[in-house]
Amino acid sequence: MTALRVRDCGAGTSVQDGGRFGYRRYGVGSAGAVDRIALAVANMLVGNEPGTGAIEFTVMGGSFVVEGGPIRVALAGAVADLRIDGEAVRPLTSATAEPGQTITIGPAKAGTFMVLAVSGGFDLPKDLGSQSFHLRAGLGGVDRQPVKAGQTLVVKGAPMGPDLTATVAPRVHAGPFRVVLGPQDDYFTTAGIETLISQPYVISPQADRMGYRLTGSTIEHAKGFNIVSDGIPTGAIQVPGSGEPIVLLADAGTTGGYPKIATMISADLPRFVQNRPGSEVRFEVVTQAEAIAAAREQAAMLDAVRDGLKPVGPAFDPEALLAANLVDGWVDAHGRFDLATGDT
């Protein structure tokens, strides 16, 4: 039996895959990795399908001991160190750990969520078709629990072929976060909508997998702030009586009674969730057609990353990867970031 034994990890650590779909009518949300690009890239680097279950960390990393047989691992998402017995693994590169070795993921230096994928994924049961842990629903994960010290996570597959590195780096859209108005934009005045798209907002400390509460200029309601509860899509921006918006994420409830002024497009959610409390964000309105085009562009980008995977070799240019890294937004906001040393 090949497995990872958990030595330690942060409180916000769980097993997440591509999500749980088809059950929202019963009040069961999708869960799944909040940064779907990170999940896909980490999995591709170890030879898995993009939505295979992996370990998601929130800011704090963890350490794991390899047992039974070799395991190939890869880390993607927020900028963090991945080490095997203290030896650093290159960014956007997979590496094979042997039995008895320790895999260590350091705390995020920039960004919020990082994903550790393993060859073959984890041998865990699925609840309603998914391994994704959802705390409030009591589904998925390791015995319906988050990842925590003392657990042993059985790994399905042995490494096949060589370790891989990405020669085409993942790209994300820069600039304001794109939203489609509605479904209840008629519950807001013209001035209220203008406030959303013209004013900056700051992510508050009330931010987790359920949603990010924003602080800033209040948004004016036109018909009050209560509606008959209706469905909540991931990325919906609801505005309660305070007038400050909340962006709802993977673990949000399936229905809600506050009007939703807009919905963030799926292509921009991975970049959005990598922002930490205190980060400033802005929004811009796009059409539904533009949102669909952005989703197709993101899918094509991931295809290009997969096609560009090559066996690990001596050539490595961290500056080239930095130019199109997943955390471009962090680089813009906080200065240049040296992937090799971790220095700003």
C-alpha atoms as a PDB file:
ATOM      1  CA  MET A   1       0.000   0.000   0.000  1.00  0.00           C
ATOM      2  CA  THR A   2       1.433   3.339  -1.093  1.00  0.00           C
ATOM      3  CA  ALA A   3       0.355   6.262   1.049  1.00  0.00           C
ATOM      4  CA  LEU A   4       1.062   9.692   2.486  1.00  0.00           C
ATOM      5  CA  ARG A   5       1.118   9.867   6.276  1.00  0.00           C
ATOM      6  CA  VAL A   6       0.174  13.333   7.481  1.00  0.00           C
ATOM      7  CA  ARG A   7       2.696  14.754   9.942  1.00  0.00           C
ATOM      8  CA  ASP A   8       1.171  18.234  10.156  1.00  0.00           C
ATOM      9  CA  CYS A   9      -0.815  20.744   8.108  1.00  0.00           C
ATOM     10  CA  GLY A  10      -2.757  23.986   8.419  1.00  0.00           C
ATOM     11  CA  ALA A  11      -6.365  24.092   9.536  1.00  0.00           C
ATOM     12  CA  GLY A  12      -7.643  24.927   6.049  1.00  0.00           C
ATOM     13  CA  THR A  13      -6.363  21.711   4.445  1.00  0.00           C
ATOM     14  CA  SER A  14      -8.740  19.321   2.680  1.00  0.00           C
ATOM     15  CA  VAL A  15      -9.107  16.940  -0.235  1.00  0.00           C
ATOM     16  CA  GLN A  16     -10.768  18.637  -3.202  1.00  0.00           C
ATOM     17  CA  ASP A  17     -11.429  17.539  -6.770  1.00  0.00           C
ATOM     18  CA  GLY A  18     -13.308  19.069  -9.686  1.00  0.00           C
ATOM     19  CA  GLY A  19     -16.487  19.341  -7.620  1.00  0.00           C
ATOM     20  CA  ARG A  20     -19.847  17.727  -6.926  1.00  0.00           C
ATOM     21  CA  PHE A  21     -22.506  18.536  -9.508  1.00  0.00           C
ATOM     22  CA  GLY A  22     -26.153  17.699 -10.114  1.00  0.00           C
ATOM     23  CA  TYR A  23     -27.328  17.980  -6.500  1.00  0.00           C
ATOM     24  CA  ARG A  24     -27.936  21.687  -5.955  1.00  0.00           C
ATOM     25  CA  ARG A  25     -31.687  21.047  -6.243  1.00  0.00           C
ATOM     26  CA  TYR A  26     -31.320  19.042  -3.029  1.00  0.00           C
ATOM     27  CA  GLY A  27     -29.322  21.747  -1.255  1.00  0.00           C
ATOM     28  CA  VAL A  28     -25.906  20.158  -1.857  1.00  0.00           C
ATOM     29  CA  GLY A  29     -23.306  22.562  -3.226  1.00  0.00           C
ATOM     30  CA  SER A  30     -20.454  21.766  -5.571  1.00  0.00           C
ATOM     31  CA  ALA A  31     -17.453  22.251  -3.229  1.00  0.00           C
ATOM     32  CA  GLY A  32     -14.286  21.371  -5.189  1.00  0.00           C
ATOM     33  CA  ALA A  33     -10.993  23.246  -5.501  1.00  0.00           C
ATOM     34  CA  VAL A  34     -11.511  27.012  -5.361  1.00  0.00           C
ATOM     35  CA  ASP A  35      -8.645  27.524  -7.836  1.00  0.00           C
ATOM     36  CA  ARG A  36      -9.572  25.165 -10.662  1.00  0.00           C
ATOM     37  CA  ILE A  37      -6.509  26.188 -12.734  1.00  0.00           C
ATOM     38  CA  ALA A  38      -4.188  25.162  -9.896  1.00  0.00           C
ATOM     39  CA  LEU A  39      -5.989  21.823  -9.553  1.00  0.00           C
ATOM     40  CA  ALA A  40      -5.759  21.143 -13.278  1.00  0.00           C
ATOM     41  CA  VAL A  41      -2.092  22.109 -13.618  1.00  0.00           C
ATOM     42  CA  ALA A  42      -0.933  20.145 -10.559  1.00  0.00           C
ATOM     43  CA  ASN A  43      -2.785  17.062 -11.801  1.00  0.00           C
ATOM     44  CA  MET A  44      -1.452  17.325 -15.343  1.00  0.00           C
ATOM     45  CA  LEU A  45       2.106  17.484 -14.002  1.00  0.00           C
ATOM     46  CA  VAL A  46       1.685  14.068 -12.318  1.00  0.00           C
ATOM     47  CA  GLY A  47      -0.196  12.473 -15.221  1.00  0.00           C
ATOM     48  CA  ASN A  48      -3.747  12.704 -13.853  1.00  0.00           C
ATOM     49  CA  GLU A  49      -6.952  14.033 -15.345  1.00  0.00           C
ATOM     50  CA  PRO A  50      -7.437  17.731 -14.436  1.00  0.00           C
ATOM     51  CA  GLY A  51     -10.253  17.164 -11.943  1.00  0.00           C
ATOM     52  CA  THR A  52      -8.629  14.363  -9.932  1.00  0.00           C
ATOM     53  CA  GLY A  53      -8.774  14.741  -6.151  1.00  0.00           C
ATOM     54  CA  ALA A  54      -5.795  16.508  -4.560  1.00  0.00           C
ATOM     55  CA  ILE A  55      -4.869  18.242  -1.307  1.00  0.00           C
ATOM     56  CA  GLU A  56      -5.814  21.925  -1.089  1.00  0.00           C
ATOM     57  CA  PHE A  57      -3.981  24.154   1.403  1.00  0.00           C
ATOM     58  CA  THR A  58      -5.128  27.564   2.620  1.00  0.00           C
ATOM     59  CA  VAL A  59      -2.053  29.771   3.198  1.00  0.00           C
ATOM     60  CA  MET A  60      -0.379  27.271   5.565  1.00  0.00           C
ATOM     61  CA  GLY A  61       1.264  24.184   4.094  1.00  0.00           C
ATOM     62  CA  GLY A  62       2.106  20.854   5.706  1.00  0.00           C
ATOM     63  CA  SER A  63       4.408  17.840   5.734  1.00  0.00           C
ATOM     64  CA  PHE A  64       3.848  14.221   4.740  1.00  0.00           C
ATOM     65  CA  VAL A  65       5.873  11.007   4.959  1.00  0.00           C
ATOM     66  CA  VAL A  66       5.853   8.635   1.978  1.00  0.00           C
ATOM     67  CA  GLU A  67       5.038   5.022   2.845  1.00  0.00           C
ATOM     68  CA  GLY A  68       4.966   1.786   0.824  1.00  0.00           C
ATOM     69  CA  GLY A  69       6.161   2.940  -2.581  1.00  0.00           C
ATOM     70  CA  PRO A  70       7.242   5.935  -4.671  1.00  0.00           C
ATOM     71  CA  ILE A  71       4.832   8.829  -5.201  1.00  0.00           C
ATOM     72  CA  ARG A  72       5.005  11.574  -7.812  1.00  0.00           C
ATOM     73  CA  VAL A  73       3.868  14.990  -6.551  1.00  0.00           C
ATOM     74  CA  ALA A  74       3.372  18.489  -7.964  1.00  0.00           C
ATOM     75  CA  LEU A  75       2.310  21.802  -6.430  1.00  0.00           C
ATOM     76  CA  ALA A  76       0.410  24.626  -8.150  1.00  0.00           C
ATOM     77  CA  GLY A  77      -1.498  27.757  -7.177  1.00  0.00           C
ATOM     78  CA  ALA A  78      -0.147  30.183  -4.588  1.00  0.00           C
ATOM     79  CA  VAL A  79       3.642  30.683  -4.452  1.00  0.00           C
ATOM     80  CA  ALA A  80       5.015  28.217  -1.911  1.00  0.00           C
ATOM     81  CA  ASP A  81       8.051  25.961  -1.514  1.00  0.00           C
ATOM     82  CA  LEU A  82       7.724  22.257  -2.280  1.00  0.00           C
ATOM     83  CA  ARG A  83      10.591  20.189  -0.870  1.00  0.00           C
ATOM     84  CA  ILE A  84      11.430  16.497  -0.693  1.00  0.00           C
ATOM     85  CA  ASP A  85      13.755  15.720   2.223  1.00  0.00           C
ATOM     86  CA  GLY A  86      14.697  19.389   2.198  1.00  0.00           C
ATOM     87  CA  GLU A  87      15.550  19.536  -1.497  1.00  0.00           C
ATOM     88  CA  ALA A  88      13.566  22.149  -3.402  1.00  0.00           C
ATOM     89  CA  VAL A  89      11.363  21.120  -6.321  1.00  0.00           C
ATOM     90  CA  ARG A  90      11.236  23.578  -9.207  1.00  0.00           C
ATOM     91  CA  PRO A  91       7.994  25.518  -9.692  1.00  0.00           C
ATOM     92  CA  LEU A  92       5.507  23.956 -12.131  1.00  0.00           C
ATOM     93  CA  THR A  93       7.468  20.694 -12.012  1.00  0.00           C
ATOM     94  CA  SER A  94       6.664  17.247 -10.664  1.00  0.00           C
ATOM     95  CA  ALA A  95       9.074  15.168  -8.603  1.00  0.00           C
ATOM     96  CA  THR A  96       9.127  11.601  -7.310  1.00  0.00           C
ATOM     97  CA  ALA A  97       9.439  10.910  -3.594  1.00  0.00           C
ATOM     98  CA  GLU A  98      10.621   7.520  -2.334  1.00  0.00           C
ATOM     99  CA  PRO A  99       9.382   5.592   0.722  1.00  0.00           C
ATOM    100  CA  GLY A 100      10.611   7.165   3.953  1.00  0.00           C
ATOM    101  CA  GLN A 101      11.116  10.599   2.407  1.00  0.00           C
ATOM    102  CA  THR A 102       9.282  13.672   3.716  1.00  0.00           C
ATOM    103  CA  ILE A 103       7.329  15.986   1.435  1.00  0.00           C
ATOM    104  CA  THR A 104       7.071  19.518   2.803  1.00  0.00           C
ATOM    105  CA  ILE A 105       4.920  22.374   1.551  1.00  0.00           C
ATOM    106  CA  GLY A 106       5.845  25.747   3.011  1.00  0.00           C
ATOM    107  CA  PRO A 107       3.411  28.563   3.786  1.00  0.00           C
ATOM    108  CA  ALA A 108       2.198  30.645   0.848  1.00  0.00           C
ATOM    109  CA  LYS A 109       4.516  33.563   0.111  1.00  0.00           C
ATOM    110  CA  ALA A 110       1.954  35.109  -2.212  1.00  0.00           C
ATOM    111  CA  GLY A 111      -1.585  34.005  -2.931  1.00  0.00           C
ATOM    112  CA  THR A 112      -3.904  31.958  -0.749  1.00  0.00           C
ATOM    113  CA  PHE A 113      -4.654  28.461  -2.069  1.00  0.00           C
ATOM    114  CA  MET A 114      -2.192  25.851  -3.293  1.00  0.00           C
ATOM    115  CA  VAL A 115      -2.881  22.330  -4.528  1.00  0.00           C
ATOM    116  CA  LEU A 116      -0.709  19.222  -4.104  1.00  0.00           C
ATOM    117  CA  ALA A 117      -1.501  16.464  -6.606  1.00  0.00           C
ATOM    118  CA  VAL A 118      -0.201  12.889  -6.378  1.00  0.00           C
ATOM    119  CA  SER A 119       0.222  10.268  -9.087  1.00  0.00           C
ATOM    120  CA  GLY A 120      -3.069   8.413  -9.545  1.00  0.00           C
ATOM    121  CA  GLY A 121      -4.943  10.504  -7.004  1.00  0.00           C
ATOM    122  CA  PHE A 122      -6.137   9.305  -3.609  1.00  0.00           C
ATOM    123  CA  ASP A 123      -7.972   6.058  -2.890  1.00  0.00           C
ATOM    124  CA  LEU A 124     -10.870   7.700  -1.092  1.00  0.00           C
ATOM    125  CA  PRO A 125     -14.605   7.016  -1.429  1.00  0.00           C
ATOM    126  CA  LYS A 126     -16.806   9.466  -3.303  1.00  0.00           C
ATOM    127  CA  ASP A 127     -19.911  11.058  -1.816  1.00  0.00           C
ATOM    128  CA  LEU A 128     -22.410  11.873  -4.571  1.00  0.00           C
ATOM    129  CA  GLY A 129     -19.718  11.412  -7.184  1.00  0.00           C
ATOM    130  CA  SER A 130     -16.969  13.520  -5.614  1.00  0.00           C
ATOM    131  CA  GLN A 131     -14.158  13.272  -3.063  1.00  0.00           C
ATOM    132  CA  SER A 132     -14.417  17.004  -2.320  1.00  0.00           C
ATOM    133  CA  PHE A 133     -14.712  17.795   1.375  1.00  0.00           C
ATOM    134  CA  HIS A 134     -17.619  20.062   2.307  1.00  0.00           C
ATOM    135  CA  LEU A 135     -17.635  20.905   6.003  1.00  0.00           C
ATOM    136  CA  ARG A 136     -21.246  22.019   6.368  1.00  0.00           C
ATOM    137  CA  ALA A 137     -22.651  19.170   4.272  1.00  0.00           C
ATOM    138  CA  GLY A 138     -20.488  16.551   5.976  1.00  0.00           C
ATOM    139  CA  LEU A 139     -19.425  15.052   2.661  1.00  0.00           C
ATOM    140  CA  GLY A 140     -16.182  13.887   1.063  1.00  0.00           C
ATOM    141  CA  GLY A 141     -12.663  14.284   2.370  1.00  0.00           C
ATOM    142  CA  VAL A 142     -10.921  11.741   4.592  1.00  0.00           C
ATOM    143  CA  ASP A 143     -13.706   9.926   6.446  1.00  0.00           C
ATOM    144  CA  ARG A 144     -15.743  13.114   5.892  1.00  0.00           C
ATOM    145  CA  GLN A 145     -13.115  15.128   7.706  1.00  0.00           C
ATOM    146  CA  PRO A 146     -10.510  17.690   6.647  1.00  0.00           C
ATOM    147  CA  VAL A 147      -6.897  16.593   6.262  1.00  0.00           C
ATOM    148  CA  LYS A 148      -5.195  16.564   9.673  1.00  0.00           C
ATOM    149  CA  ALA A 149      -2.152  15.162  11.454  1.00  0.00           C
ATOM    150  CA  GLY A 150      -2.116  11.406  11.999  1.00  0.00           C
ATOM    151  CA  GLN A 151      -4.174  10.463   8.947  1.00  0.00           C
ATOM    152  CA  THR A 152      -2.898   8.132   6.241  1.00  0.00           C
ATOM    153  CA  LEU A 153      -3.992   8.919   2.668  1.00  0.00           C
ATOM    154  CA  VAL A 154      -3.699   5.908   0.360  1.00  0.00           C
ATOM    155  CA  VAL A 155      -2.408   6.791  -3.108  1.00  0.00           C
ATOM    156  CA  LYS A 156      -3.814   4.987  -6.139  1.00  0.00           C
ATOM    157  CA  GLY A 157      -1.064   5.070  -8.729  1.00  0.00           C
ATOM    158  CA  ALA A 158       2.688   4.573  -9.038  1.00  0.00           C
ATOM    159  CA  PRO A 159       4.665   7.128 -11.063  1.00  0.00           C
ATOM    160  CA  MET A 160       4.661   6.360 -14.785  1.00  0.00           C
ATOM    161  CA  GLY A 161       7.413   7.733 -17.009  1.00  0.00           C
ATOM    162  CA  PRO A 162       9.643  10.699 -16.132  1.00  0.00           C
ATOM    163  CA  ASP A 163       8.899  13.700 -13.936  1.00  0.00           C
ATOM    164  CA  LEU A 164       7.476  16.596 -15.963  1.00  0.00           C
ATOM    165  CA  THR A 165       7.922  20.344 -16.142  1.00  0.00           C
ATOM    166  CA  ALA A 166       5.717  22.971 -17.768  1.00  0.00           C
ATOM    167  CA  THR A 167       7.351  24.741 -20.719  1.00  0.00           C
ATOM    168  CA  VAL A 168       4.147  26.726 -21.300  1.00  0.00           C
ATOM    169  CA  ALA A 169       3.125  28.582 -18.160  1.00  0.00           C
ATOM    170  CA  PRO A 170      -0.545  29.021 -17.189  1.00  0.00           C
ATOM    171  CA  ARG A 171      -1.902  32.502 -17.864  1.00  0.00           C
ATOM    172  CA  VAL A 172      -4.659  34.485 -16.220  1.00  0.00           C
ATOM    173  CA  HIS A 173      -6.501  37.615 -17.336  1.00  0.00           C
ATOM    174  CA  ALA A 174      -5.109  40.835 -15.872  1.00  0.00           C
ATOM    175  CA  GLY A 175      -7.125  43.896 -14.885  1.00  0.00           C
ATOM    176  CA  PRO A 176     -10.505  44.247 -13.162  1.00  0.00           C
ATOM    177  CA  PHE A 177     -12.485  41.117 -12.404  1.00  0.00           C
ATOM    178  CA  ARG A 178     -15.133  40.545 -15.051  1.00  0.00           C
ATOM    179  CA  VAL A 179     -18.785  40.151 -14.071  1.00  0.00           C
ATOM    180  CA  VAL A 180     -22.094  39.629 -15.839  1.00  0.00           C
ATOM    181  CA  LEU A 181     -24.913  41.707 -14.380  1.00  0.00           C
ATOM    182  CA  GLY A 182     -27.756  39.903 -12.659  1.00  0.00           C
ATOM    183  CA  PRO A 183     -29.742  37.910 -11.949  1.00  0.00           C
ATOM    184  CA  GLN A 184     -31.256  40.614  -9.686  1.00  0.00           C
ATOM    185  CA  ASP A 185     -29.553  43.761 -10.973  1.00  0.00           C
ATOM    186  CA  ASP A 186     -33.037  45.323 -11.198  1.00  0.00           C
ATOM    187  CA  TYR A 187     -33.040  45.387  -7.380  1.00  0.00           C
ATOM    188  CA  PHE A 188     -30.360  48.105  -7.501  1.00  0.00           C
ATOM    189  CA  THR A 189     -30.420  51.700  -8.628  1.00  0.00           C
ATOM    190  CA  THR A 190     -28.390  52.879 -11.588  1.00  0.00           C
ATOM    191  CA  ALA A 191     -26.119  54.607  -9.084  1.00  0.00           C
ATOM    192  CA  GLY A 192     -25.747  51.355  -7.160  1.00  0.00           C
ATOM    193  CA  ILE A 193     -24.594  49.468 -10.234  1.00  0.00           C
ATOM    194  CA  GLU A 194     -22.220  52.287 -11.104  1.00  0.00           C
ATOM    195  CA  THR A 195     -20.749  52.069  -7.607  1.00  0.00           C
ATOM    196  CA  LEU A 196     -19.919  48.384  -8.073  1.00  0.00           C
ATOM    197  CA  ILE A 197     -18.053  48.945 -11.324  1.00  0.00           C
ATOM    198  CA  SER A 198     -16.413  52.292 -10.571  1.00  0.00           C
ATOM    199  CA  GLN A 199     -15.220  51.959  -6.967  1.00  0.00           C
ATOM    200  CA  PRO A 200     -12.451  49.796  -5.467  1.00  0.00           C
ATOM    201  CA  TYR A 201     -13.285  47.198  -2.818  1.00  0.00           C
ATOM    202  CA  VAL A 202     -11.082  45.551  -0.225  1.00  0.00           C
ATOM    203  CA  ILE A 203     -11.292  41.896   0.772  1.00  0.00           C
ATOM    204  CA  SER A 204     -12.174  41.761   4.464  1.00  0.00           C
ATOM    205  CA  PRO A 205     -10.891  39.234   7.027  1.00  0.00           C
ATOM    206  CA  GLN A 206     -14.264  37.493   6.625  1.00  0.00           C
ATOM    207  CA  ALA A 207     -13.018  35.426   3.712  1.00  0.00           C
ATOM    208  CA  ASP A 208     -13.039  31.648   3.313  1.00  0.00           C
ATOM    209  CA  ARG A 209     -14.182  28.914   0.924  1.00  0.00           C
ATOM    210  CA  MET A 210     -17.797  30.034   1.367  1.00  0.00           C
ATOM    211  CA  GLY A 211     -17.174  33.554   0.133  1.00  0.00           C
ATOM    212  CA  TYR A 212     -15.205  36.785   0.342  1.00  0.00           C
ATOM    213  CA  ARG A 213     -16.927  39.700   2.066  1.00  0.00           C
ATOM    214  CA  LEU A 214     -15.792  43.035   0.606  1.00  0.00           C
ATOM    215  CA  THR A 215     -15.592  46.453   2.243  1.00  0.00           C
ATOM    216  CA  GLY A 216     -15.917  49.789   0.485  1.00  0.00           C
ATOM    217  CA  SER A 217     -18.588  52.085  -0.941  1.00  0.00           C
ATOM    218  CA  THR A 218     -22.114  50.935  -0.168  1.00  0.00           C
ATOM    219  CA  ILE A 219     -24.255  49.813  -3.085  1.00  0.00           C
ATOM    220  CA  GLU A 220     -27.720  51.374  -3.229  1.00  0.00           C
ATOM    221  CA  HIS A 221     -30.709  49.034  -3.365  1.00  0.00           C
ATOM    222  CA  ALA A 222     -33.796  50.026  -5.345  1.00  0.00           C
ATOM    223  CA  LYS A 223     -36.304  47.477  -3.979  1.00  0.00           C
ATOM    224  CA  GLY A 224     -34.953  46.601  -0.558  1.00  0.00           C
ATOM    225  CA  PHE A 225     -32.462  43.877   0.242  1.00  0.00           C
ATOM    226  CA  ASN A 226     -34.708  40.837   0.701  1.00  0.00           C
ATOM    227  CA  ILE A 227     -35.906  38.513  -2.054  1.00  0.00           C
ATOM    228  CA  VAL A 228     -37.582  35.127  -2.152  1.00  0.00           C
ATOM    229  CA  SER A 229     -34.655  32.732  -1.819  1.00  0.00           C
ATOM    230  CA  ASP A 230     -33.398  31.491  -5.130  1.00  0.00           C
ATOM    231  CA  GLY A 231     -30.391  29.644  -6.567  1.00  0.00           C
ATOM    232  CA  ILE A 232     -26.831  30.852  -6.011  1.00  0.00           C
ATOM    233  CA  PRO A 233     -24.234  30.128  -8.704  1.00  0.00           C
ATOM    234  CA  THR A 234     -20.559  30.068  -7.789  1.00  0.00           C
ATOM    235  CA  GLY A 235     -19.212  33.589  -8.189  1.00  0.00           C
ATOM    236  CA  ALA A 236     -22.520  35.308  -7.444  1.00  0.00           C
ATOM    237  CA  ILE A 237     -22.135  38.753  -5.849  1.00  0.00           C
ATOM    238  CA  GLN A 238     -24.919  39.254  -3.336  1.00  0.00           C
ATOM    239  CA  VAL A 239     -25.522  42.526  -1.519  1.00  0.00           C
ATOM    240  CA  PRO A 240     -27.135  42.342   1.945  1.00  0.00           C
ATOM    241  CA  GLY A 241     -28.599  45.282   3.855  1.00  0.00           C
ATOM    242  CA  SER A 242     -25.158  46.689   4.667  1.00  0.00           C
ATOM    243  CA  GLY A 243     -24.726  47.527   0.981  1.00  0.00           C
ATOM    244  CA  GLU A 244     -21.300  45.840   0.878  1.00  0.00           C
ATOM    245  CA  PRO A 245     -20.970  42.956  -1.571  1.00  0.00           C
ATOM    246  CA  ILE A 246     -20.101  39.315  -0.867  1.00  0.00           C
ATOM    247  CA  VAL A 247     -18.576  37.118  -3.606  1.00  0.00           C
ATOM    248  CA  LEU A 248     -19.837  33.565  -3.059  1.00  0.00           C
ATOM    249  CA  LEU A 249     -17.456  30.684  -3.689  1.00  0.00           C
ATOM    250  CA  ALA A 250     -17.263  26.883  -3.789  1.00  0.00           C
ATOM    251  CA  ASP A 251     -18.707  26.134  -0.329  1.00  0.00           C
ATOM    252  CA  ALA A 252     -21.521  28.698  -0.448  1.00  0.00           C
ATOM    253  CA  GLY A 253     -25.104  27.669   0.156  1.00  0.00           C
ATOM    254  CA  THR A 254     -27.236  26.724  -2.819  1.00  0.00           C
ATOM    255  CA  THR A 255     -29.934  29.352  -2.194  1.00  0.00           C
ATOM    256  CA  GLY A 256     -30.059  32.793  -0.629  1.00  0.00           C
ATOM    257  CA  GLY A 257     -32.417  35.651   0.106  1.00  0.00           C
ATOM    258  CA  TYR A 258     -30.255  38.663  -0.745  1.00  0.00           C
ATOM    259  CA  PRO A 259     -30.347  40.133  -4.260  1.00  0.00           C
ATOM    260  CA  LYS A 260     -27.392  39.335  -6.497  1.00  0.00           C
ATOM    261  CA  ILE A 261     -26.208  42.366  -8.434  1.00  0.00           C
ATOM    262  CA  ALA A 262     -23.804  40.408 -10.668  1.00  0.00           C
ATOM    263  CA  THR A 263     -21.929  37.136 -11.109  1.00  0.00           C
ATOM    264  CA  MET A 264     -18.166  36.861 -11.579  1.00  0.00           C
ATOM    265  CA  ILE A 265     -17.274  34.909 -14.705  1.00  0.00           C
ATOM    266  CA  SER A 266     -15.799  31.453 -14.123  1.00  0.00           C
ATOM    267  CA  ALA A 267     -12.547  32.297 -15.928  1.00  0.00           C
ATOM    268  CA  ASP A 268     -11.700  34.997 -13.361  1.00  0.00           C
ATOM    269  CA  LEU A 269     -12.530  33.095 -10.168  1.00  0.00           C
ATOM    270  CA  PRO A 270      -9.132  31.324  -9.911  1.00  0.00           C
ATOM    271  CA  ARG A 271      -7.281  34.656  -9.876  1.00  0.00           C
ATOM    272  CA  PHE A 272      -9.823  36.246  -7.534  1.00  0.00           C
ATOM    273  CA  VAL A 273      -9.518  33.583  -4.819  1.00  0.00           C
ATOM    274  CA  GLN A 274      -5.739  33.998  -4.693  1.00  0.00           C
ATOM    275  CA  ASN A 275      -6.186  37.474  -3.203  1.00  0.00           C
ATOM    276  CA  ARG A 276      -5.804  37.780   0.563  1.00  0.00           C
ATOM    277  CA  PRO A 277      -7.677  39.986   3.050  1.00  0.00           C
ATOM    278  CA  GLY A 278      -6.550  43.566   2.583  1.00  0.00           C
ATOM    279  CA  SER A 279      -6.223  43.219  -1.202  1.00  0.00           C
ATOM    280  CA  GLU A 280      -7.984  45.783  -3.377  1.00  0.00           C
ATOM    281  CA  VAL A 281     -10.200  44.518  -6.199  1.00  0.00           C
ATOM    282  CA  ARG A 282     -12.191  46.163  -8.964  1.00  0.00           C
ATOM    283  CA  PHE A 283     -14.941  44.948 -11.278  1.00  0.00           C
ATOM    284  CA  GLU A 284     -15.978  45.496 -14.876  1.00  0.00           C
ATOM    285  CA  VAL A 285     -19.136  44.383 -16.672  1.00  0.00           C
ATOM    286  CA  VAL A 286     -18.949  42.062 -19.673  1.00  0.00           C
ATOM    287  CA  THR A 287     -21.591  40.341 -21.786  1.00  0.00           C
ATOM    288  CA  GLN A 288     -22.580  36.710 -21.518  1.00  0.00           C
ATOM    289  CA  ALA A 289     -20.942  36.106 -24.907  1.00  0.00           C
ATOM    290  CA  GLU A 290     -17.681  37.583 -23.609  1.00  0.00           C
ATOM    291  CA  ALA A 291     -17.885  35.377 -20.515  1.00  0.00           C
ATOM    292  CA  ILE A 292     -18.298  32.266 -22.689  1.00  0.00           C
ATOM    293  CA  ALA A 293     -15.382  33.340 -24.875  1.00  0.00           C
ATOM    294  CA  ALA A 294     -13.206  33.792 -21.766  1.00  0.00           C
ATOM    295  CA  ALA A 295     -14.084  30.286 -20.566  1.00  0.00           C
ATOM    296  CA  ARG A 296     -13.109  28.860 -23.957  1.00  0.00           C
ATOM    297  CA  GLU A 297      -9.841  30.792 -23.901  1.00  0.00           C
ATOM    298  CA  GLN A 298      -9.060  29.382 -20.472  1.00  0.00           C
ATOM    299  CA  ALA A 299      -9.746  25.843 -21.674  1.00  0.00           C
ATOM    300  CA  ALA A 300      -7.451  26.409 -24.673  1.00  0.00           C
ATOM    301  CA  MET A 301      -4.761  27.764 -22.340  1.00  0.00           C
ATOM    302  CA  LEU A 302      -4.889  24.600 -20.240  1.00  0.00           C
ATOM    303  CA  ASP A 303      -4.658  22.487 -23.393  1.00  0.00           C
ATOM    304  CA  ALA A 304      -1.509  24.430 -24.313  1.00  0.00           C
ATOM    305  CA  VAL A 305      -0.041  23.785 -20.848  1.00  0.00           C
ATOM    306  CA  ARG A 306      -0.717  20.062 -21.209  1.00  0.00           C
ATOM    307  CA  ASP A 307       0.786  19.976 -24.709  1.00  0.00           C
ATOM    308  CA  GLY A 308       3.860  21.811 -23.412  1.00  0.00           C
ATOM    309  CA  LEU A 309       4.706  19.352 -20.629  1.00  0.00           C
ATOM    310  CA  LYS A 310       8.214  17.949 -21.089  1.00  0.00           C
ATOM    311  CA  PRO A 311      10.488  15.582 -19.143  1.00  0.00           C
ATOM    312  CA  VAL A 312      12.484  17.360 -16.459  1.00  0.00           C
ATOM    313  CA  GLY A 313      15.829  18.599 -17.802  1.00  0.00           C
ATOM    314  CA  PRO A 314      18.572  21.034 -16.828  1.00  0.00           C
ATOM    315  CA  ALA A 315      17.130  24.029 -18.703  1.00  0.00           C
ATOM    316  CA  PHE A 316      15.023  26.207 -16.422  1.00  0.00           C
ATOM    317  CA  ASP A 317      14.293  29.917 -16.631  1.00  0.00           C
ATOM    318  CA  PRO A 318      12.285  31.138 -13.598  1.00  0.00           C
ATOM    319  CA  GLU A 319      12.040  34.633 -15.069  1.00  0.00           C
ATOM    320  CA  ALA A 320      10.248  33.286 -18.139  1.00  0.00           C
ATOM    321  CA  LEU A 321       7.733  31.467 -15.965  1.00  0.00           C
ATOM    322  CA  LEU A 322       7.305  34.529 -13.782  1.00  0.00           C
ATOM    323  CA  ALA A 323       6.164  36.564 -16.775  1.00  0.00           C
ATOM    324  CA  ALA A 324       2.988  34.464 -17.037  1.00  0.00           C
ATOM    325  CA  ASN A 325       2.712  32.947 -13.583  1.00  0.00           C
ATOM    326  CA  LEU A 326      -0.603  32.112 -11.933  1.00  0.00           C
ATOM    327  CA  VAL A 327      -0.078  34.898  -9.430  1.00  0.00           C
ATOM    328  CA  ASP A 328       0.457  37.758 -11.888  1.00  0.00           C
ATOM    329  CA  GLY A 329      -1.946  39.853  -9.843  1.00  0.00           C
ATOM    330  CA  TRP A 330       0.245  39.453  -6.773  1.00  0.00           C
ATOM    331  CA  VAL A 331       3.362  40.346  -8.705  1.00  0.00           C
ATOM    332  CA  ASP A 332       1.690  43.536  -9.951  1.00  0.00           C
ATOM    333  CA  ALA A 333       0.516  44.515  -6.471  1.00  0.00           C
ATOM    334  CA  HIS A 334       3.556  43.602  -4.415  1.00  0.00           C
ATOM    335  CA  GLY A 335       6.544  43.932  -6.734  1.00  0.00           C
ATOM    336  CA  ARG A 336       8.564  41.351  -8.609  1.00  0.00           C
ATOM    337  CA  PHE A 337       8.877  37.914  -7.052  1.00  0.00           C
ATOM    338  CA  ASP A 338      11.909  35.643  -7.553  1.00  0.00           C
ATOM    339  CA  LEU A 339      10.564  32.113  -7.932  1.00  0.00           C
ATOM    340  CA  ALA A 340      14.006  30.622  -7.372  1.00  0.00           C
ATOM    341  CA  THR A 341      14.780  32.299  -4.050  1.00  0.00           C
ATOM    342  CA  GLY A 342      11.418  33.548  -2.815  1.00  0.00           C
ATOM    343  CA  ASP A 343      12.718  37.103  -2.508  1.00  0.00           C
ATOM    344  CA  THR A 344      10.762  40.188  -3.563  1.00  0.00           C
END
